[in-house]
Amino acid sequence: MARESLKAREIKRQKLVDKYADKRAELKKAGDWVGLQKLPLNSNPIRLHNRCKITGRPKGYMRMFGISRINFREMASKGLIPGVKKSSW
């Protein structure tokens, strides 16, 4: 499990990105690069990192489900994800 502080940091970044999205778009459209530089660094969507919603694991993230590959496999085996069935042959 990831530390709670890392999860909280990602949530804080997401809030900043949402807050400044409109202003950032306007400044880009106007070509005001100085104005863009004055915005907080963490308001840039590039700084966001995908993390598992359950454990906070940063690697092995599956975008379609929002969880890591390890949690995906466990949940698929238990039948907790609708439409997904673990195959075996």
PDB file of N, CA and C in Angstrom:
ATOM      1  N   MET A   1       0.828  -1.182   0.000  1.00  0.00           N
ATOM      2  CA  MET A   1       0.000   0.000   0.000  1.00  0.00           C
ATOM      3  C   MET A   1       0.877   1.251   0.000  1.00  0.00           C
ATOM      4  N   ALA A   2       0.433   2.222  -0.730  1.00  0.00           N
ATOM      5  CA  ALA A   2       1.149   3.486  -0.777  1.00  0.00           C
ATOM      6  C   ALA A   2       0.879   4.270   0.507  1.00  0.00           C
ATOM      7  N   ARG A   3       1.803   5.137   0.834  1.00  0.00           N
ATOM      8  CA  ARG A   3       1.599   5.976   2.008  1.00  0.00           C
ATOM      9  C   ARG A   3       0.418   6.912   1.772  1.00  0.00           C
ATOM     10  N   GLU A   4      -0.256   7.229   2.850  1.00  0.00           N
ATOM     11  CA  GLU A   4      -1.428   8.104   2.748  1.00  0.00           C
ATOM     12  C   GLU A   4      -1.041   9.490   2.242  1.00  0.00           C
ATOM     13  N   SER A   5       0.169   9.933   2.563  1.00  0.00           N
ATOM     14  CA  SER A   5       0.591  11.256   2.128  1.00  0.00           C
ATOM     15  C   SER A   5       0.717  11.324   0.605  1.00  0.00           C
ATOM     16  N   LEU A   6       1.144  10.217  -0.024  1.00  0.00           N
ATOM     17  CA  LEU A   6       1.264  10.209  -1.485  1.00  0.00           C
ATOM     18  C   LEU A   6      -0.110  10.243  -2.144  1.00  0.00           C
ATOM     19  N   LYS A   7      -1.052   9.514  -1.567  1.00  0.00           N
ATOM     20  CA  LYS A   7      -2.419   9.542  -2.093  1.00  0.00           C
ATOM     21  C   LYS A   7      -3.018  10.939  -1.953  1.00  0.00           C
ATOM     22  N   ALA A   8      -2.783  11.558  -0.791  1.00  0.00           N
ATOM     23  CA  ALA A   8      -3.316  12.900  -0.534  1.00  0.00           C
ATOM     24  C   ALA A   8      -2.705  13.918  -1.485  1.00  0.00           C
ATOM     25  N   ARG A   9      -1.421  13.759  -1.788  1.00  0.00           N
ATOM     26  CA  ARG A   9      -0.739  14.680  -2.700  1.00  0.00           C
ATOM     27  C   ARG A   9      -1.360  14.612  -4.096  1.00  0.00           C
ATOM     28  N   GLU A  10      -1.680  13.404  -4.546  1.00  0.00           N
ATOM     29  CA  GLU A  10      -2.302  13.250  -5.867  1.00  0.00           C
ATOM     30  C   GLU A  10      -3.693  13.884  -5.896  1.00  0.00           C
ATOM     31  N   ILE A  11      -4.438  13.736  -4.812  1.00  0.00           N
ATOM     32  CA  ILE A  11      -5.773  14.338  -4.741  1.00  0.00           C
ATOM     33  C   ILE A  11      -5.661  15.865  -4.774  1.00  0.00           C
ATOM     34  N   LYS A  12      -4.673  16.398  -4.060  1.00  0.00           N
ATOM     35  CA  LYS A  12      -4.447  17.846  -4.036  1.00  0.00           C
ATOM     36  C   LYS A  12      -4.092  18.355  -5.429  1.00  0.00           C
ATOM     37  N   ARG A  13      -3.246  17.614  -6.138  1.00  0.00           N
ATOM     38  CA  ARG A  13      -2.880  17.999  -7.506  1.00  0.00           C
ATOM     39  C   ARG A  13      -4.106  17.989  -8.417  1.00  0.00           C
ATOM     40  N   GLN A  14      -4.948  16.972  -8.280  1.00  0.00           N
ATOM     41  CA  GLN A  14      -6.143  16.869  -9.124  1.00  0.00           C
ATOM     42  C   GLN A  14      -7.061  18.062  -8.895  1.00  0.00           C
ATOM     43  N   LYS A  15      -7.200  18.487  -7.642  1.00  0.00           N
ATOM     44  CA  LYS A  15      -8.036  19.654  -7.346  1.00  0.00           C
ATOM     45  C   LYS A  15      -7.472  20.912  -7.992  1.00  0.00           C
ATOM     46  N   LEU A  16      -6.143  21.079  -7.948  1.00  0.00           N
ATOM     47  CA  LEU A  16      -5.516  22.247  -8.569  1.00  0.00           C
ATOM     48  C   LEU A  16      -5.695  22.239 -10.079  1.00  0.00           C
ATOM     49  N   VAL A  17      -5.567  21.071 -10.688  1.00  0.00           N
ATOM     50  CA  VAL A  17      -5.751  20.954 -12.134  1.00  0.00           C
ATOM     51  C   VAL A  17      -7.171  21.349 -12.510  1.00  0.00           C
ATOM     52  N   ASP A  18      -8.154  20.859 -11.746  1.00  0.00           N
ATOM     53  CA  ASP A  18      -9.555  21.192 -12.026  1.00  0.00           C
ATOM     54  C   ASP A  18      -9.827  22.684 -11.829  1.00  0.00           C
ATOM     55  N   LYS A  19      -9.215  23.255 -10.795  1.00  0.00           N
ATOM     56  CA  LYS A  19      -9.443  24.662 -10.474  1.00  0.00           C
ATOM     57  C   LYS A  19      -8.930  25.587 -11.573  1.00  0.00           C
ATOM     58  N   TYR A  20      -7.754  25.287 -12.114  1.00  0.00           N
ATOM     59  CA  TYR A  20      -7.112  26.178 -13.076  1.00  0.00           C
ATOM     60  C   TYR A  20      -7.285  25.746 -14.539  1.00  0.00           C
ATOM     61  N   ALA A  21      -8.094  24.757 -14.815  1.00  0.00           N
ATOM     62  CA  ALA A  21      -8.230  24.244 -16.183  1.00  0.00           C
ATOM     63  C   ALA A  21      -8.726  25.323 -17.153  1.00  0.00           C
ATOM     64  N   ASP A  22      -9.772  26.049 -16.767  1.00  0.00           N
ATOM     65  CA  ASP A  22     -10.336  27.072 -17.654  1.00  0.00           C
ATOM     66  C   ASP A  22      -9.352  28.218 -17.878  1.00  0.00           C
ATOM     67  N   LYS A  23      -8.739  28.666 -16.787  1.00  0.00           N
ATOM     68  CA  LYS A  23      -7.783  29.774 -16.895  1.00  0.00           C
ATOM     69  C   LYS A  23      -6.586  29.373 -17.748  1.00  0.00           C
ATOM     70  N   ARG A  24      -6.116  28.149 -17.566  1.00  0.00           N
ATOM     71  CA  ARG A  24      -4.983  27.635 -18.338  1.00  0.00           C
ATOM     72  C   ARG A  24      -5.333  27.589 -19.828  1.00  0.00           C
ATOM     73  N   ALA A  25      -6.539  27.146 -20.147  1.00  0.00           N
ATOM     74  CA  ALA A  25      -6.969  27.074 -21.547  1.00  0.00           C
ATOM     75  C   ALA A  25      -7.028  28.469 -22.178  1.00  0.00           C
ATOM     76  N   GLU A  26      -7.554  29.442 -21.415  1.00  0.00           N
ATOM     77  CA  GLU A  26      -7.633  30.821 -21.930  1.00  0.00           C
ATOM     78  C   GLU A  26      -6.244  31.385 -22.192  1.00  0.00           C
ATOM     79  N   LEU A  27      -5.334  31.182 -21.245  1.00  0.00           N
ATOM     80  CA  LEU A  27      -3.980  31.712 -21.404  1.00  0.00           C
ATOM     81  C   LEU A  27      -3.265  31.063 -22.587  1.00  0.00           C
ATOM     82  N   LYS A  28      -3.478  29.759 -22.781  1.00  0.00           N
ATOM     83  CA  LYS A  28      -2.855  29.080 -23.923  1.00  0.00           C
ATOM     84  C   LYS A  28      -3.408  29.621 -25.233  1.00  0.00           C
ATOM     85  N   LYS A  29      -4.725  29.828 -25.263  1.00  0.00           N
ATOM     86  CA  LYS A  29      -5.360  30.319 -26.485  1.00  0.00           C
ATOM     87  C   LYS A  29      -4.847  31.715 -26.838  1.00  0.00           C
ATOM     88  N   ALA A  30      -4.640  32.551 -25.815  1.00  0.00           N
ATOM     89  CA  ALA A  30      -4.149  33.912 -26.025  1.00  0.00           C
ATOM     90  C   ALA A  30      -2.646  33.947 -26.288  1.00  0.00           C
ATOM     91  N   GLY A  31      -1.956  32.852 -25.998  1.00  0.00           N
ATOM     92  CA  GLY A  31      -0.509  32.817 -26.189  1.00  0.00           C
ATOM     93  C   GLY A  31       0.247  33.551 -25.100  1.00  0.00           C
ATOM     94  N   ASP A  32      -0.361  33.688 -23.938  1.00  0.00           N
ATOM     95  CA  ASP A  32       0.249  34.396 -22.808  1.00  0.00           C
ATOM     96  C   ASP A  32       1.101  33.417 -22.000  1.00  0.00           C
ATOM     97  N   TRP A  33       2.342  33.230 -22.414  1.00  0.00           N
ATOM     98  CA  TRP A  33       3.212  32.244 -21.774  1.00  0.00           C
ATOM     99  C   TRP A  33       3.695  32.728 -20.416  1.00  0.00           C
ATOM    100  N   VAL A  34       3.806  34.033 -20.249  1.00  0.00           N
ATOM    101  CA  VAL A  34       4.215  34.582 -18.952  1.00  0.00           C
ATOM    102  C   VAL A  34       3.113  34.337 -17.922  1.00  0.00           C
ATOM    103  N   GLY A  35       1.878  34.516 -18.342  1.00  0.00           N
ATOM    104  CA  GLY A  35       0.747  34.247 -17.451  1.00  0.00           C
ATOM    105  C   GLY A  35       0.669  32.785 -17.066  1.00  0.00           C
ATOM    106  N   LEU A  36       0.989  31.908 -18.013  1.00  0.00           N
ATOM    107  CA  LEU A  36       0.993  30.470 -17.713  1.00  0.00           C
ATOM    108  C   LEU A  36       2.061  30.123 -16.684  1.00  0.00           C
ATOM    109  N   GLN A  37       3.195  30.781 -16.772  1.00  0.00           N
ATOM    110  CA  GLN A  37       4.284  30.504 -15.837  1.00  0.00           C
ATOM    111  C   GLN A  37       3.948  30.939 -14.416  1.00  0.00           C
ATOM    112  N   LYS A  38       3.036  31.893 -14.296  1.00  0.00           N
ATOM    113  CA  LYS A  38       2.671  32.376 -12.970  1.00  0.00           C
ATOM    114  C   LYS A  38       1.678  31.464 -12.257  1.00  0.00           C
ATOM    115  N   LEU A  39       1.069  30.544 -12.990  1.00  0.00           N
ATOM    116  CA  LEU A  39       0.153  29.595 -12.356  1.00  0.00           C
ATOM    117  C   LEU A  39       0.953  28.603 -11.500  1.00  0.00           C
ATOM    118  N   PRO A  40       0.320  27.993 -10.503  1.00  0.00           N
ATOM    119  CA  PRO A  40       1.028  26.999  -9.689  1.00  0.00           C
ATOM    120  C   PRO A  40       1.524  25.833 -10.544  1.00  0.00           C
ATOM    121  N   LEU A  41       2.689  25.304 -10.202  1.00  0.00           N
ATOM    122  CA  LEU A  41       3.268  24.204 -10.982  1.00  0.00           C
ATOM    123  C   LEU A  41       2.372  22.985 -11.007  1.00  0.00           C
ATOM    124  N   ASN A  42       1.755  22.682  -9.874  1.00  0.00           N
ATOM    125  CA  ASN A  42       0.918  21.485  -9.796  1.00  0.00           C
ATOM    126  C   ASN A  42      -0.444  21.651 -10.460  1.00  0.00           C
ATOM    127  N   SER A  43      -0.704  22.803 -11.064  1.00  0.00           N
ATOM    128  CA  SER A  43      -1.957  22.964 -11.788  1.00  0.00           C
ATOM    129  C   SER A  43      -1.837  22.440 -13.215  1.00  0.00           C
ATOM    130  N   ASN A  44      -0.654  21.990 -13.587  1.00  0.00           N
ATOM    131  CA  ASN A  44      -0.431  21.421 -14.913  1.00  0.00           C
ATOM    132  C   ASN A  44      -0.863  19.951 -14.914  1.00  0.00           C
ATOM    133  N   PRO A  45      -1.737  19.534 -15.840  1.00  0.00           N
ATOM    134  CA  PRO A  45      -2.216  18.146 -15.838  1.00  0.00           C
ATOM    135  C   PRO A  45      -1.120  17.116 -16.097  1.00  0.00           C
ATOM    136  N   ILE A  46       0.012  17.546 -16.639  1.00  0.00           N
ATOM    137  CA  ILE A  46       1.129  16.629 -16.876  1.00  0.00           C
ATOM    138  C   ILE A  46       1.643  16.060 -15.560  1.00  0.00           C
ATOM    139  N   ARG A  47       1.506  16.816 -14.493  1.00  0.00           N
ATOM    140  CA  ARG A  47       2.044  16.391 -13.202  1.00  0.00           C
ATOM    141  C   ARG A  47       1.198  15.324 -12.511  1.00  0.00           C
ATOM    142  N   LEU A  48       0.006  15.051 -13.024  1.00  0.00           N
ATOM    143  CA  LEU A  48      -0.831  14.013 -12.427  1.00  0.00           C
ATOM    144  C   LEU A  48      -0.249  12.638 -12.713  1.00  0.00           C
ATOM    145  N   HIS A  49      -0.431  11.740 -11.772  1.00  0.00           N
ATOM    146  CA  HIS A  49       0.059  10.372 -11.938  1.00  0.00           C
ATOM    147  C   HIS A  49      -1.080   9.427 -11.616  1.00  0.00           C
ATOM    148  N   ASN A  50      -1.319   8.450 -12.472  1.00  0.00           N
ATOM    149  CA  ASN A  50      -2.389   7.490 -12.228  1.00  0.00           C
ATOM    150  C   ASN A  50      -2.012   6.568 -11.081  1.00  0.00           C
ATOM    151  N   ARG A  51      -2.931   6.403 -10.145  1.00  0.00           N
ATOM    152  CA  ARG A  51      -2.716   5.510  -9.009  1.00  0.00           C
ATOM    153  C   ARG A  51      -3.946   4.637  -8.824  1.00  0.00           C
ATOM    154  N   CYS A  52      -3.717   3.448  -8.301  1.00  0.00           N
ATOM    155  CA  CYS A  52      -4.800   2.513  -8.004  1.00  0.00           C
ATOM    156  C   CYS A  52      -5.739   3.149  -6.980  1.00  0.00           C
ATOM    157  N   LYS A  53      -7.035   3.049  -7.222  1.00  0.00           N
ATOM    158  CA  LYS A  53      -8.012   3.653  -6.322  1.00  0.00           C
ATOM    159  C   LYS A  53      -8.087   2.924  -4.985  1.00  0.00           C
ATOM    160  N   ILE A  54      -7.672   1.674  -4.963  1.00  0.00           N
ATOM    161  CA  ILE A  54      -7.772   0.870  -3.748  1.00  0.00           C
ATOM    162  C   ILE A  54      -6.500   0.964  -2.912  1.00  0.00           C
ATOM    163  N   THR A  55      -5.355   0.688  -3.519  1.00  0.00           N
ATOM    164  CA  THR A  55      -4.103   0.616  -2.773  1.00  0.00           C
ATOM    165  C   THR A  55      -3.204   1.821  -2.962  1.00  0.00           C
ATOM    166  N   GLY A  56      -3.380   2.583  -4.041  1.00  0.00           N
ATOM    167  CA  GLY A  56      -2.518   3.724  -4.316  1.00  0.00           C
ATOM    168  C   GLY A  56      -1.262   3.337  -5.072  1.00  0.00           C
ATOM    169  N   ARG A  57      -1.192   2.105  -5.556  1.00  0.00           N
ATOM    170  CA  ARG A  57      -0.012   1.631  -6.288  1.00  0.00           C
ATOM    171  C   ARG A  57       0.146   2.421  -7.588  1.00  0.00           C
ATOM    172  N   PRO A  58       1.356   2.975  -7.862  1.00  0.00           N
ATOM    173  CA  PRO A  58       1.538   3.795  -9.048  1.00  0.00           C
ATOM    174  C   PRO A  58       1.865   3.004 -10.313  1.00  0.00           C
ATOM    175  N   LYS A  59       2.351   1.797 -10.163  1.00  0.00           N
ATOM    176  CA  LYS A  59       2.745   1.014 -11.341  1.00  0.00           C
ATOM    177  C   LYS A  59       1.728  -0.084 -11.619  1.00  0.00           C
ATOM    178  N   GLY A  60       1.650  -0.498 -12.871  1.00  0.00           N
ATOM    179  CA  GLY A  60       0.724  -1.560 -13.244  1.00  0.00           C
ATOM    180  C   GLY A  60      -0.720  -1.082 -13.197  1.00  0.00           C
ATOM    181  N   TYR A  61      -0.960   0.174 -13.529  1.00  0.00           N
ATOM    182  CA  TYR A  61      -2.285   0.778 -13.463  1.00  0.00           C
ATOM    183  C   TYR A  61      -3.063   0.466 -14.734  1.00  0.00           C
ATOM    184  N   MET A  62      -4.297   0.031 -14.588  1.00  0.00           N
ATOM    185  CA  MET A  62      -5.161  -0.250 -15.736  1.00  0.00           C
ATOM    186  C   MET A  62      -6.198   0.865 -15.837  1.00  0.00           C
ATOM    187  N   ARG A  63      -6.076   1.697 -16.869  1.00  0.00           N
ATOM    188  CA  ARG A  63      -6.928   2.871 -17.009  1.00  0.00           C
ATOM    189  C   ARG A  63      -8.405   2.532 -17.107  1.00  0.00           C
ATOM    190  N   MET A  64      -8.702   1.464 -17.807  1.00  0.00           N
ATOM    191  CA  MET A  64     -10.100   1.116 -18.045  1.00  0.00           C
ATOM    192  C   MET A  64     -10.857   0.850 -16.741  1.00  0.00           C
ATOM    193  N   PHE A  65     -10.131   0.364 -15.727  1.00  0.00           N
ATOM    194  CA  PHE A  65     -10.776  -0.004 -14.471  1.00  0.00           C
ATOM    195  C   PHE A  65     -10.363   0.889 -13.307  1.00  0.00           C
ATOM    196  N   GLY A  66      -9.278   1.625 -13.440  1.00  0.00           N
ATOM    197  CA  GLY A  66      -8.831   2.529 -12.393  1.00  0.00           C
ATOM    198  C   GLY A  66      -8.145   1.844 -11.228  1.00  0.00           C
ATOM    199  N   ILE A  67      -7.707   0.595 -11.430  1.00  0.00           N
ATOM    200  CA  ILE A  67      -7.032  -0.147 -10.369  1.00  0.00           C
ATOM    201  C   ILE A  67      -5.759  -0.779 -10.915  1.00  0.00           C
ATOM    202  N   SER A  68      -4.927  -1.282 -10.005  1.00  0.00           N
ATOM    203  CA  SER A  68      -3.678  -1.908 -10.428  1.00  0.00           C
ATOM    204  C   SER A  68      -3.945  -3.317 -10.948  1.00  0.00           C
ATOM    205  N   ARG A  69      -2.974  -3.863 -11.632  1.00  0.00           N
ATOM    206  CA  ARG A  69      -3.118  -5.195 -12.221  1.00  0.00           C
ATOM    207  C   ARG A  69      -3.310  -6.266 -11.163  1.00  0.00           C
ATOM    208  N   ILE A  70      -2.710  -6.070  -9.995  1.00  0.00           N
ATOM    209  CA  ILE A  70      -2.809  -7.057  -8.927  1.00  0.00           C
ATOM    210  C   ILE A  70      -4.228  -7.102  -8.375  1.00  0.00           C
ATOM    211  N   ASN A  71      -4.784  -5.932  -8.083  1.00  0.00           N
ATOM    212  CA  ASN A  71      -6.171  -5.875  -7.601  1.00  0.00           C
ATOM    213  C   ASN A  71      -7.137  -6.335  -8.671  1.00  0.00           C
ATOM    214  N   PHE A  72      -6.835  -6.010  -9.922  1.00  0.00           N
ATOM    215  CA  PHE A  72      -7.701  -6.441 -11.021  1.00  0.00           C
ATOM    216  C   PHE A  72      -7.779  -7.959 -11.068  1.00  0.00           C
ATOM    217  N   ARG A  73      -6.636  -8.613 -10.951  1.00  0.00           N
ATOM    218  CA  ARG A  73      -6.605 -10.077 -11.028  1.00  0.00           C
ATOM    219  C   ARG A  73      -7.384 -10.701  -9.869  1.00  0.00           C
ATOM    220  N   GLU A  74      -7.191 -10.183  -8.663  1.00  0.00           N
ATOM    221  CA  GLU A  74      -7.909 -10.708  -7.503  1.00  0.00           C
ATOM    222  C   GLU A  74      -9.412 -10.524  -7.658  1.00  0.00           C
ATOM    223  N   MET A  75      -9.823  -9.337  -8.071  1.00  0.00           N
ATOM    224  CA  MET A  75     -11.250  -9.046  -8.206  1.00  0.00           C
ATOM    225  C   MET A  75     -11.873  -9.829  -9.349  1.00  0.00           C
ATOM    226  N   ALA A  76     -11.122 -10.019 -10.440  1.00  0.00           N
ATOM    227  CA  ALA A  76     -11.642 -10.793 -11.565  1.00  0.00           C
ATOM    228  C   ALA A  76     -11.814 -12.250 -11.167  1.00  0.00           C
ATOM    229  N   SER A  77     -10.898 -12.781 -10.386  1.00  0.00           N
ATOM    230  CA  SER A  77     -10.996 -14.169  -9.933  1.00  0.00           C
ATOM    231  C   SER A  77     -12.204 -14.378  -9.037  1.00  0.00           C
ATOM    232  N   LYS A  78     -12.520 -13.372  -8.227  1.00  0.00           N
ATOM    233  CA  LYS A  78     -13.663 -13.461  -7.321  1.00  0.00           C
ATOM    234  C   LYS A  78     -14.984 -13.122  -8.010  1.00  0.00           C
ATOM    235  N   GLY A  79     -14.900 -12.604  -9.254  1.00  0.00           N
ATOM    236  CA  GLY A  79     -16.109 -12.240  -9.989  1.00  0.00           C
ATOM    237  C   GLY A  79     -16.695 -10.905  -9.570  1.00  0.00           C
ATOM    238  N   LEU A  80     -15.864 -10.010  -9.052  1.00  0.00           N
ATOM    239  CA  LEU A  80     -16.345  -8.719  -8.571  1.00  0.00           C
ATOM    240  C   LEU A  80     -16.410  -7.644  -9.653  1.00  0.00           C
ATOM    241  N   ILE A  81     -15.802  -7.912 -10.808  1.00  0.00           N
ATOM    242  CA  ILE A  81     -15.817  -6.937 -11.897  1.00  0.00           C
ATOM    243  C   ILE A  81     -16.795  -7.430 -12.957  1.00  0.00           C
ATOM    244  N   PRO A  82     -17.873  -6.679 -13.202  1.00  0.00           N
ATOM    245  CA  PRO A  82     -18.875  -7.130 -14.163  1.00  0.00           C
ATOM    246  C   PRO A  82     -18.313  -7.214 -15.577  1.00  0.00           C
ATOM    247  N   GLY A  83     -18.623  -8.291 -16.259  1.00  0.00           N
ATOM    248  CA  GLY A  83     -18.207  -8.474 -17.644  1.00  0.00           C
ATOM    249  C   GLY A  83     -16.813  -9.020 -17.812  1.00  0.00           C
ATOM    250  N   VAL A  84     -16.118  -9.305 -16.721  1.00  0.00           N
ATOM    251  CA  VAL A  84     -14.749  -9.826 -16.802  1.00  0.00           C
ATOM    252  C   VAL A  84     -14.749 -11.215 -16.212  1.00  0.00           C
ATOM    253  N   LYS A  85     -14.165 -12.149 -16.959  1.00  0.00           N
ATOM    254  CA  LYS A  85     -14.075 -13.518 -16.490  1.00  0.00           C
ATOM    255  C   LYS A  85     -12.659 -13.993 -16.666  1.00  0.00           C
ATOM    256  N   LYS A  86     -12.088 -14.599 -15.652  1.00  0.00           N
ATOM    257  CA  LYS A  86     -10.723 -15.103 -15.740  1.00  0.00           C
ATOM    258  C   LYS A  86     -10.741 -16.340 -16.620  1.00  0.00           C
ATOM    259  N   SER A  87      -9.892 -16.316 -17.632  1.00  0.00           N
ATOM    260  CA  SER A  87      -9.860 -17.445 -18.556  1.00  0.00           C
ATOM    261  C   SER A  87      -8.786 -18.431 -18.125  1.00  0.00           C
ATOM    262  N   SER A  88      -9.001 -19.685 -18.438  1.00  0.00           N
ATOM    263  CA  SER A  88      -8.005 -20.714 -18.205  1.00  0.00           C
ATOM    264  C   SER A  88      -8.196 -21.798 -19.267  1.00  0.00           C
ATOM    265  N   TRP A  89      -7.114 -22.367 -19.722  1.00  0.00           N
ATOM    266  CA  TRP A  89      -7.194 -23.411 -20.736  1.00  0.00           C
ATOM    267  C   TRP A  89      -6.188 -24.479 -20.482  1.00  0.00           C
TER     268      TRP A  89
END
